[in-house]
Amino acid sequence: DIVQCGTSKGNVTIDVRSKWSPKGAEQFLKLVRLGHFDDLPFYRVAPRYITQFGRKYRAPDKPDPLRENHIEVIKDDPSLWGLRDMDFGYVFFAGAGPNTRYDEMVVAFCPMKGCIATGLGHADWEVPVATIRKDDFGVLNEIMSSGKPYPRLEMGGQHPKAGGPHPGR
């Protein structure tokens, strides 16, 4: 499957990799078909590491289209660590621990050796579901340059000075 996306920095083409992550690819395509990622910002842009997107805020008085369409948290696919290590332009689910993939996506901004050095792709939920085509890496570089560096991995718990942006805001 192929997904076309428009961003404020240009368009990108995403090749979904169902053989790499069958459950993840299926969930990602369901979310795309529901329009879940339409009109969303990249709310975390950490240069040379990642960018993240997904709906962080849902008004409690409004219906949740994911629940209405029976979108649930999915189990992890088998890790590809050491077989297909994370690389620039790989797309995967954000997670908070094993079997927590739901509705937020991450794009790797680090080159393969850089991703290995950070451990990106080692966590159970960090199995790539798709890749952004190399022709669109210029767009990814534009998105990456719009971010600002955060201490090391920028997420709380990863580094003593990590703070990063508050994703719910």
N, C-alpha and C. Protein backbone atom coordinates (compact mmCIF):
# COMPACT_ATOMS: atom_id res chain seq x y z
N ASP A 1 0.83 -1.18 0.00
CA ASP A 1 0.00 0.00 0.00
C ASP A 1 0.88 1.25 0.00
N ILE A 2 0.36 2.30 -0.60
CA ILE A 2 1.06 3.58 -0.68
C ILE A 2 0.16 4.66 -0.11
N VAL A 3 0.73 5.53 0.73
CA VAL A 3 -0.02 6.63 1.33
C VAL A 3 0.67 7.93 0.90
N GLN A 4 -0.12 8.85 0.36
CA GLN A 4 0.37 10.17 -0.03
C GLN A 4 0.01 11.17 1.07
N CYS A 5 0.99 11.96 1.50
CA CYS A 5 0.75 12.94 2.56
C CYS A 5 1.23 14.31 2.11
N GLY A 6 0.48 15.31 2.49
CA GLY A 6 0.89 16.68 2.26
C GLY A 6 1.30 17.30 3.58
N THR A 7 2.41 18.05 3.58
CA THR A 7 2.83 18.78 4.76
C THR A 7 3.07 20.23 4.35
N SER A 8 3.27 21.08 5.32
CA SER A 8 3.56 22.49 5.01
C SER A 8 4.93 22.64 4.36
N LYS A 9 5.75 21.61 4.40
CA LYS A 9 7.08 21.64 3.80
C LYS A 9 7.14 20.93 2.46
N GLY A 10 6.04 20.26 2.08
CA GLY A 10 5.99 19.52 0.81
C GLY A 10 5.30 18.19 0.99
N ASN A 11 5.16 17.46 -0.09
CA ASN A 11 4.47 16.18 -0.07
C ASN A 11 5.46 15.04 0.15
N VAL A 12 4.96 13.97 0.78
CA VAL A 12 5.75 12.76 0.95
C VAL A 12 4.92 11.55 0.56
N THR A 13 5.62 10.55 0.06
CA THR A 13 5.00 9.27 -0.28
C THR A 13 5.52 8.23 0.70
N ILE A 14 4.57 7.51 1.29
CA ILE A 14 4.89 6.50 2.30
C ILE A 14 4.57 5.13 1.74
N ASP A 15 5.56 4.25 1.76
CA ASP A 15 5.36 2.85 1.36
C ASP A 15 5.12 2.04 2.62
N VAL A 16 3.93 1.46 2.73
CA VAL A 16 3.58 0.66 3.90
C VAL A 16 4.22 -0.72 3.76
N ARG A 17 4.84 -1.19 4.81
CA ARG A 17 5.61 -2.44 4.81
C ARG A 17 4.89 -3.50 5.64
N SER A 18 3.84 -4.07 5.07
CA SER A 18 3.02 -5.05 5.79
C SER A 18 3.79 -6.29 6.22
N LYS A 19 4.79 -6.68 5.45
CA LYS A 19 5.57 -7.87 5.82
C LYS A 19 6.46 -7.61 7.03
N TRP A 20 6.89 -6.38 7.22
CA TRP A 20 7.73 -6.04 8.37
C TRP A 20 6.92 -6.02 9.65
N SER A 21 5.71 -5.46 9.56
CA SER A 21 4.88 -5.24 10.75
C SER A 21 3.41 -5.43 10.37
N PRO A 22 2.96 -6.67 10.27
CA PRO A 22 1.58 -6.91 9.82
C PRO A 22 0.50 -6.21 10.66
N LYS A 23 0.58 -6.32 11.98
CA LYS A 23 -0.42 -5.69 12.83
C LYS A 23 -0.30 -4.17 12.78
N GLY A 24 0.92 -3.67 12.83
CA GLY A 24 1.14 -2.22 12.79
C GLY A 24 0.71 -1.61 11.47
N ALA A 25 1.03 -2.26 10.36
CA ALA A 25 0.64 -1.74 9.04
C ALA A 25 -0.87 -1.69 8.92
N GLU A 26 -1.54 -2.73 9.38
CA GLU A 26 -3.01 -2.75 9.32
C GLU A 26 -3.60 -1.61 10.14
N GLN A 27 -3.08 -1.40 11.35
CA GLN A 27 -3.58 -0.31 12.21
C GLN A 27 -3.32 1.06 11.56
N PHE A 28 -2.11 1.26 11.04
CA PHE A 28 -1.75 2.52 10.40
C PHE A 28 -2.70 2.81 9.24
N LEU A 29 -2.96 1.83 8.40
CA LEU A 29 -3.86 2.04 7.25
C LEU A 29 -5.29 2.32 7.69
N LYS A 30 -5.75 1.68 8.76
CA LYS A 30 -7.08 1.99 9.30
C LYS A 30 -7.15 3.45 9.72
N LEU A 31 -6.12 3.91 10.42
CA LEU A 31 -6.10 5.30 10.89
C LEU A 31 -6.05 6.28 9.72
N VAL A 32 -5.30 5.95 8.70
CA VAL A 32 -5.23 6.81 7.51
C VAL A 32 -6.60 6.88 6.86
N ARG A 33 -7.25 5.74 6.68
CA ARG A 33 -8.58 5.71 6.02
C ARG A 33 -9.63 6.48 6.82
N LEU A 34 -9.49 6.51 8.14
CA LEU A 34 -10.41 7.28 8.99
C LEU A 34 -10.12 8.78 8.98
N GLY A 35 -9.00 9.17 8.36
CA GLY A 35 -8.63 10.58 8.35
C GLY A 35 -8.03 11.03 9.67
N HIS A 36 -7.57 10.07 10.46
CA HIS A 36 -7.06 10.37 11.80
C HIS A 36 -5.87 11.34 11.78
N PHE A 37 -5.06 11.29 10.74
CA PHE A 37 -3.87 12.13 10.70
C PHE A 37 -4.07 13.41 9.90
N ASP A 38 -5.28 13.67 9.44
CA ASP A 38 -5.55 14.88 8.66
C ASP A 38 -5.39 16.12 9.53
N ASP A 39 -4.76 17.14 8.98
CA ASP A 39 -4.64 18.46 9.62
C ASP A 39 -4.01 18.42 11.01
N LEU A 40 -2.95 17.63 11.16
CA LEU A 40 -2.25 17.54 12.43
C LEU A 40 -0.86 18.12 12.32
N PRO A 41 -0.36 18.71 13.41
CA PRO A 41 1.04 19.17 13.41
C PRO A 41 1.98 18.04 13.82
N PHE A 42 3.24 18.22 13.52
CA PHE A 42 4.29 17.40 14.12
C PHE A 42 4.52 18.06 15.48
N TYR A 43 4.13 17.41 16.56
CA TYR A 43 4.20 18.09 17.85
C TYR A 43 5.53 17.87 18.56
N ARG A 44 6.34 17.01 18.06
CA ARG A 44 7.69 16.82 18.62
C ARG A 44 8.61 16.70 17.42
N VAL A 45 9.56 17.63 17.29
CA VAL A 45 10.54 17.58 16.22
C VAL A 45 11.92 17.69 16.87
N ALA A 46 12.59 16.56 16.98
CA ALA A 46 13.92 16.50 17.58
C ALA A 46 14.92 16.19 16.47
N PRO A 47 15.65 17.20 15.99
CA PRO A 47 16.58 17.00 14.89
C PRO A 47 17.54 15.83 15.12
N ARG A 48 17.81 15.12 14.05
CA ARG A 48 18.71 13.96 14.04
C ARG A 48 18.21 12.83 14.93
N TYR A 49 16.92 12.87 15.31
CA TYR A 49 16.35 11.81 16.12
C TYR A 49 14.98 11.40 15.58
N ILE A 50 13.92 12.17 15.91
CA ILE A 50 12.57 11.79 15.49
C ILE A 50 11.69 13.01 15.28
N THR A 51 10.55 12.77 14.64
CA THR A 51 9.40 13.66 14.74
C THR A 51 8.20 12.78 15.05
N GLN A 52 7.22 13.34 15.74
CA GLN A 52 6.07 12.57 16.19
C GLN A 52 4.79 13.31 15.85
N PHE A 53 3.75 12.54 15.52
CA PHE A 53 2.45 13.14 15.24
C PHE A 53 1.34 12.17 15.62
N GLY A 54 0.19 12.72 15.86
CA GLY A 54 -1.00 11.96 16.26
C GLY A 54 -1.87 12.88 17.10
N ARG A 55 -3.06 12.48 17.38
CA ARG A 55 -3.97 13.32 18.15
C ARG A 55 -3.71 13.16 19.64
N LYS A 56 -3.18 14.20 20.27
CA LYS A 56 -2.89 14.16 21.69
C LYS A 56 -4.08 14.63 22.53
N TYR A 57 -4.95 15.42 21.95
CA TYR A 57 -6.05 15.98 22.72
C TYR A 57 -7.38 15.62 22.07
N ARG A 58 -8.29 15.13 22.88
CA ARG A 58 -9.64 14.87 22.41
C ARG A 58 -10.60 15.54 23.40
N ALA A 59 -11.45 16.37 22.89
CA ALA A 59 -12.43 17.03 23.76
C ALA A 59 -13.32 15.96 24.38
N PRO A 60 -13.47 15.96 25.71
CA PRO A 60 -14.25 14.91 26.37
C PRO A 60 -15.72 14.91 25.98
N ASP A 61 -16.25 16.04 25.52
CA ASP A 61 -17.67 16.11 25.18
C ASP A 61 -17.94 15.76 23.70
N LYS A 62 -16.89 15.39 22.95
CA LYS A 62 -17.06 15.04 21.53
C LYS A 62 -16.88 13.54 21.35
N PRO A 63 -17.54 12.98 20.35
CA PRO A 63 -17.38 11.54 20.10
C PRO A 63 -15.94 11.23 19.66
N ASP A 64 -15.47 10.07 20.01
CA ASP A 64 -14.13 9.62 19.64
C ASP A 64 -14.27 8.70 18.42
N PRO A 65 -13.87 9.16 17.24
CA PRO A 65 -14.03 8.33 16.04
C PRO A 65 -13.25 7.03 16.10
N LEU A 66 -12.17 6.98 16.86
CA LEU A 66 -11.42 5.73 16.95
C LEU A 66 -12.22 4.68 17.70
N ARG A 67 -12.81 5.08 18.82
CA ARG A 67 -13.63 4.12 19.58
C ARG A 67 -14.86 3.71 18.75
N GLU A 68 -15.47 4.69 18.08
CA GLU A 68 -16.64 4.39 17.26
C GLU A 68 -16.33 3.42 16.13
N ASN A 69 -15.08 3.41 15.68
CA ASN A 69 -14.66 2.51 14.59
C ASN A 69 -13.86 1.31 15.11
N HIS A 70 -13.96 1.07 16.39
CA HIS A 70 -13.37 -0.11 17.02
C HIS A 70 -11.85 -0.19 16.84
N ILE A 71 -11.19 0.96 16.91
CA ILE A 71 -9.73 0.99 16.88
C ILE A 71 -9.26 0.76 18.31
N GLU A 72 -8.45 -0.25 18.50
CA GLU A 72 -7.96 -0.62 19.83
C GLU A 72 -6.44 -0.58 19.85
N VAL A 73 -5.88 -0.61 21.04
CA VAL A 73 -4.45 -0.76 21.21
C VAL A 73 -4.08 -2.13 20.64
N ILE A 74 -2.96 -2.17 19.89
CA ILE A 74 -2.57 -3.43 19.26
C ILE A 74 -1.31 -4.01 19.90
N LYS A 75 -1.16 -5.31 19.74
CA LYS A 75 0.04 -6.00 20.23
C LYS A 75 1.21 -5.68 19.32
N ASP A 76 2.41 -5.85 19.85
CA ASP A 76 3.62 -5.60 19.08
C ASP A 76 3.83 -6.70 18.05
N ASP A 77 4.41 -6.32 16.93
CA ASP A 77 4.90 -7.29 15.95
C ASP A 77 6.29 -7.72 16.40
N PRO A 78 6.79 -8.84 15.88
CA PRO A 78 8.15 -9.26 16.26
C PRO A 78 9.19 -8.19 15.92
N SER A 79 10.13 -8.00 16.81
CA SER A 79 11.18 -7.00 16.62
C SER A 79 12.02 -7.31 15.38
N LEU A 80 12.45 -6.25 14.72
CA LEU A 80 13.37 -6.39 13.59
C LEU A 80 14.78 -5.96 13.97
N TRP A 81 15.00 -5.70 15.26
CA TRP A 81 16.31 -5.25 15.74
C TRP A 81 17.38 -6.24 15.30
N GLY A 82 18.39 -5.71 14.62
CA GLY A 82 19.47 -6.55 14.11
C GLY A 82 19.19 -7.15 12.75
N LEU A 83 17.93 -7.16 12.34
CA LEU A 83 17.55 -7.67 11.02
C LEU A 83 17.28 -6.54 10.03
N ARG A 84 16.56 -5.54 10.49
CA ARG A 84 16.24 -4.36 9.69
C ARG A 84 16.24 -3.19 10.66
N ASP A 85 17.44 -2.69 10.91
CA ASP A 85 17.58 -1.63 11.91
C ASP A 85 16.97 -0.32 11.42
N MET A 86 16.53 0.48 12.38
CA MET A 86 15.87 1.75 12.11
C MET A 86 16.79 2.64 11.26
N ASP A 87 16.17 3.39 10.35
CA ASP A 87 16.91 4.26 9.45
C ASP A 87 16.10 5.52 9.18
N PHE A 88 16.74 6.52 8.62
CA PHE A 88 16.10 7.80 8.28
C PHE A 88 14.86 7.54 7.41
N GLY A 89 13.73 8.13 7.81
CA GLY A 89 12.50 8.01 7.03
C GLY A 89 11.65 6.81 7.37
N TYR A 90 12.06 5.99 8.34
CA TYR A 90 11.23 4.86 8.77
C TYR A 90 10.10 5.40 9.65
N VAL A 91 8.92 4.83 9.49
CA VAL A 91 7.72 5.24 10.22
C VAL A 91 7.33 4.10 11.16
N PHE A 92 7.07 4.44 12.41
CA PHE A 92 6.68 3.42 13.38
C PHE A 92 5.75 4.04 14.42
N PHE A 93 5.12 3.21 15.22
CA PHE A 93 4.20 3.69 16.27
C PHE A 93 4.97 4.17 17.49
N ALA A 94 4.49 5.23 18.10
CA ALA A 94 4.95 5.63 19.42
C ALA A 94 4.35 4.63 20.40
N GLY A 95 5.01 4.44 21.50
CA GLY A 95 4.49 3.53 22.50
C GLY A 95 4.97 3.92 23.88
N ALA A 96 4.33 3.37 24.89
CA ALA A 96 4.70 3.66 26.27
C ALA A 96 5.12 2.39 26.98
N GLY A 97 5.38 1.35 26.23
CA GLY A 97 5.76 0.05 26.77
C GLY A 97 5.28 -1.02 25.84
N PRO A 98 5.56 -2.27 26.15
CA PRO A 98 5.13 -3.36 25.28
C PRO A 98 3.61 -3.36 25.06
N ASN A 99 3.23 -3.64 23.82
CA ASN A 99 1.82 -3.79 23.42
C ASN A 99 0.98 -2.55 23.71
N THR A 100 1.52 -1.35 23.40
CA THR A 100 0.80 -0.09 23.63
C THR A 100 0.60 0.71 22.35
N ARG A 101 0.81 0.12 21.19
CA ARG A 101 0.67 0.88 19.94
C ARG A 101 -0.82 1.20 19.71
N TYR A 102 -1.08 2.48 19.41
CA TYR A 102 -2.48 2.88 19.25
C TYR A 102 -2.66 3.87 18.10
N ASP A 103 -2.34 5.15 18.31
CA ASP A 103 -2.73 6.14 17.30
C ASP A 103 -1.71 7.25 17.07
N GLU A 104 -0.50 7.08 17.57
CA GLU A 104 0.53 8.10 17.36
C GLU A 104 1.69 7.50 16.59
N MET A 105 2.22 8.28 15.64
CA MET A 105 3.28 7.79 14.78
C MET A 105 4.55 8.60 14.97
N VAL A 106 5.66 7.97 14.62
CA VAL A 106 6.99 8.57 14.72
C VAL A 106 7.70 8.34 13.38
N VAL A 107 8.48 9.34 12.98
CA VAL A 107 9.34 9.20 11.81
C VAL A 107 10.77 9.36 12.30
N ALA A 108 11.63 8.40 11.95
CA ALA A 108 13.04 8.46 12.34
C ALA A 108 13.76 9.50 11.50
N PHE A 109 14.49 10.38 12.17
CA PHE A 109 15.31 11.40 11.51
C PHE A 109 16.80 11.06 11.58
N CYS A 110 17.15 9.96 12.21
CA CYS A 110 18.56 9.63 12.35
C CYS A 110 18.97 8.65 11.25
N PRO A 111 20.20 8.77 10.78
CA PRO A 111 20.68 7.77 9.82
C PRO A 111 20.86 6.44 10.53
N MET A 112 20.93 5.36 9.79
CA MET A 112 20.95 4.03 10.39
C MET A 112 21.95 3.92 11.54
N LYS A 113 23.18 4.32 11.33
CA LYS A 113 24.18 4.22 12.41
C LYS A 113 23.79 5.10 13.60
N GLY A 114 23.20 6.28 13.34
CA GLY A 114 22.75 7.15 14.42
C GLY A 114 21.59 6.56 15.19
N CYS A 115 20.70 5.88 14.48
CA CYS A 115 19.56 5.24 15.15
C CYS A 115 20.04 4.10 16.04
N ILE A 116 21.00 3.34 15.54
CA ILE A 116 21.53 2.23 16.34
C ILE A 116 22.18 2.79 17.61
N ALA A 117 22.90 3.90 17.47
CA ALA A 117 23.57 4.50 18.64
C ALA A 117 22.57 4.96 19.69
N THR A 118 21.39 5.43 19.29
CA THR A 118 20.39 5.88 20.26
C THR A 118 19.55 4.72 20.79
N GLY A 119 19.61 3.58 20.13
CA GLY A 119 18.79 2.44 20.52
C GLY A 119 17.41 2.48 19.88
N LEU A 120 17.15 3.46 19.03
CA LEU A 120 15.85 3.56 18.37
C LEU A 120 15.60 2.30 17.54
N GLY A 121 14.45 1.70 17.75
CA GLY A 121 14.12 0.45 17.08
C GLY A 121 14.31 -0.75 17.97
N HIS A 122 14.90 -0.55 19.13
CA HIS A 122 15.16 -1.65 20.05
C HIS A 122 13.93 -1.99 20.90
N ALA A 123 13.11 -0.99 21.20
CA ALA A 123 11.92 -1.22 22.03
C ALA A 123 10.92 -2.11 21.27
N ASP A 124 10.16 -2.89 22.02
CA ASP A 124 9.22 -3.84 21.43
C ASP A 124 8.27 -3.21 20.42
N TRP A 125 7.82 -1.98 20.69
CA TRP A 125 6.81 -1.33 19.85
C TRP A 125 7.43 -0.57 18.68
N GLU A 126 8.74 -0.45 18.63
CA GLU A 126 9.41 0.34 17.59
C GLU A 126 9.76 -0.52 16.37
N VAL A 127 8.74 -1.13 15.79
CA VAL A 127 8.91 -1.92 14.58
C VAL A 127 8.41 -1.06 13.41
N PRO A 128 9.25 -0.84 12.40
CA PRO A 128 8.81 0.01 11.29
C PRO A 128 7.60 -0.57 10.57
N VAL A 129 6.61 0.30 10.33
CA VAL A 129 5.42 -0.10 9.58
C VAL A 129 5.47 0.43 8.15
N ALA A 130 6.37 1.40 7.92
CA ALA A 130 6.42 2.04 6.60
C ALA A 130 7.74 2.78 6.44
N THR A 131 8.01 3.18 5.21
CA THR A 131 9.17 4.00 4.91
C THR A 131 8.75 5.16 4.02
N ILE A 132 9.37 6.29 4.23
CA ILE A 132 9.15 7.43 3.35
C ILE A 132 10.17 7.34 2.23
N ARG A 133 9.72 7.57 1.01
CA ARG A 133 10.59 7.42 -0.15
C ARG A 133 11.76 8.40 -0.13
N LYS A 134 12.90 7.91 -0.60
CA LYS A 134 14.13 8.72 -0.59
C LYS A 134 13.96 10.01 -1.39
N ASP A 135 13.13 10.00 -2.41
CA ASP A 135 12.87 11.22 -3.19
C ASP A 135 12.30 12.34 -2.32
N ASP A 136 11.71 11.98 -1.19
CA ASP A 136 11.07 12.96 -0.31
C ASP A 136 11.90 13.29 0.93
N PHE A 137 13.15 12.84 0.97
CA PHE A 137 14.01 13.13 2.12
C PHE A 137 14.26 14.63 2.27
N GLY A 138 14.21 15.39 1.17
CA GLY A 138 14.35 16.84 1.27
C GLY A 138 13.25 17.44 2.12
N VAL A 139 12.03 16.93 1.97
CA VAL A 139 10.90 17.39 2.79
C VAL A 139 11.15 17.03 4.25
N LEU A 140 11.61 15.80 4.50
CA LEU A 140 11.91 15.41 5.88
C LEU A 140 12.99 16.31 6.48
N ASN A 141 14.00 16.64 5.68
CA ASN A 141 15.06 17.54 6.17
C ASN A 141 14.51 18.92 6.50
N GLU A 142 13.54 19.41 5.70
CA GLU A 142 12.89 20.70 6.00
C GLU A 142 12.12 20.63 7.32
N ILE A 143 11.40 19.53 7.51
CA ILE A 143 10.66 19.35 8.77
C ILE A 143 11.65 19.29 9.94
N MET A 144 12.72 18.52 9.76
CA MET A 144 13.72 18.38 10.81
C MET A 144 14.35 19.72 11.17
N SER A 145 14.62 20.54 10.16
CA SER A 145 15.26 21.83 10.43
C SER A 145 14.32 22.81 11.13
N SER A 146 13.02 22.52 11.15
CA SER A 146 12.07 23.39 11.84
C SER A 146 12.06 23.13 13.35
N GLY A 147 12.67 22.02 13.78
CA GLY A 147 12.69 21.68 15.20
C GLY A 147 13.85 22.33 15.91
N LYS A 148 13.97 22.00 17.16
CA LYS A 148 15.10 22.49 17.94
C LYS A 148 15.65 21.34 18.76
N PRO A 149 16.96 21.35 18.99
CA PRO A 149 17.52 20.23 19.75
C PRO A 149 17.07 20.26 21.21
N TYR A 150 16.86 19.11 21.73
CA TYR A 150 16.53 18.93 23.14
C TYR A 150 17.66 18.11 23.77
N PRO A 151 17.80 18.19 25.07
CA PRO A 151 18.88 17.41 25.69
C PRO A 151 18.79 15.93 25.30
N ARG A 152 19.85 15.48 24.69
CA ARG A 152 20.02 14.09 24.27
C ARG A 152 18.76 13.55 23.57
N LEU A 153 18.04 12.65 24.18
CA LEU A 153 16.88 12.05 23.54
C LEU A 153 15.60 12.83 23.80
N GLU A 154 15.66 13.86 24.58
CA GLU A 154 14.63 14.86 24.87
C GLU A 154 13.41 14.37 25.61
N MET A 155 13.21 13.11 25.78
CA MET A 155 12.03 12.64 26.49
C MET A 155 12.36 12.38 27.95
N GLY A 156 11.46 12.76 28.83
CA GLY A 156 11.66 12.55 30.25
C GLY A 156 12.02 11.12 30.56
N GLY A 157 12.98 10.93 31.44
CA GLY A 157 13.42 9.59 31.81
C GLY A 157 14.59 9.10 30.97
N GLN A 158 14.84 9.74 29.84
CA GLN A 158 15.93 9.31 28.96
C GLN A 158 17.24 10.04 29.28
N HIS A 159 17.14 11.17 29.91
CA HIS A 159 18.31 11.98 30.19
C HIS A 159 17.99 12.88 31.38
N PRO A 160 18.95 13.12 32.28
CA PRO A 160 18.63 13.91 33.48
C PRO A 160 18.14 15.32 33.19
N LYS A 161 18.53 15.90 32.07
CA LYS A 161 18.11 17.26 31.75
C LYS A 161 16.99 17.29 30.71
N ALA A 162 16.44 16.13 30.39
CA ALA A 162 15.41 16.08 29.35
C ALA A 162 14.16 16.80 29.81
N GLY A 163 13.57 17.57 28.93
CA GLY A 163 12.33 18.26 29.23
C GLY A 163 11.43 18.19 28.02
N GLY A 164 11.94 18.66 26.89
CA GLY A 164 11.19 18.60 25.64
C GLY A 164 9.85 19.30 25.73
N PRO A 165 9.10 19.29 24.65
CA PRO A 165 7.79 19.93 24.62
C PRO A 165 6.75 19.09 25.35
N HIS A 166 5.72 19.72 25.81
CA HIS A 166 4.61 19.01 26.44
C HIS A 166 3.67 18.59 25.32
N PRO A 167 3.56 17.28 25.00
CA PRO A 167 2.80 16.84 23.84
C PRO A 167 1.30 17.14 23.90
N GLY A 168 0.75 17.32 25.11
CA GLY A 168 -0.68 17.60 25.22
C GLY A 168 -1.07 19.02 24.93
N ARG A 169 -0.10 19.90 24.76
CA ARG A 169 -0.41 21.30 24.52
C ARG A 169 -0.46 21.62 23.06
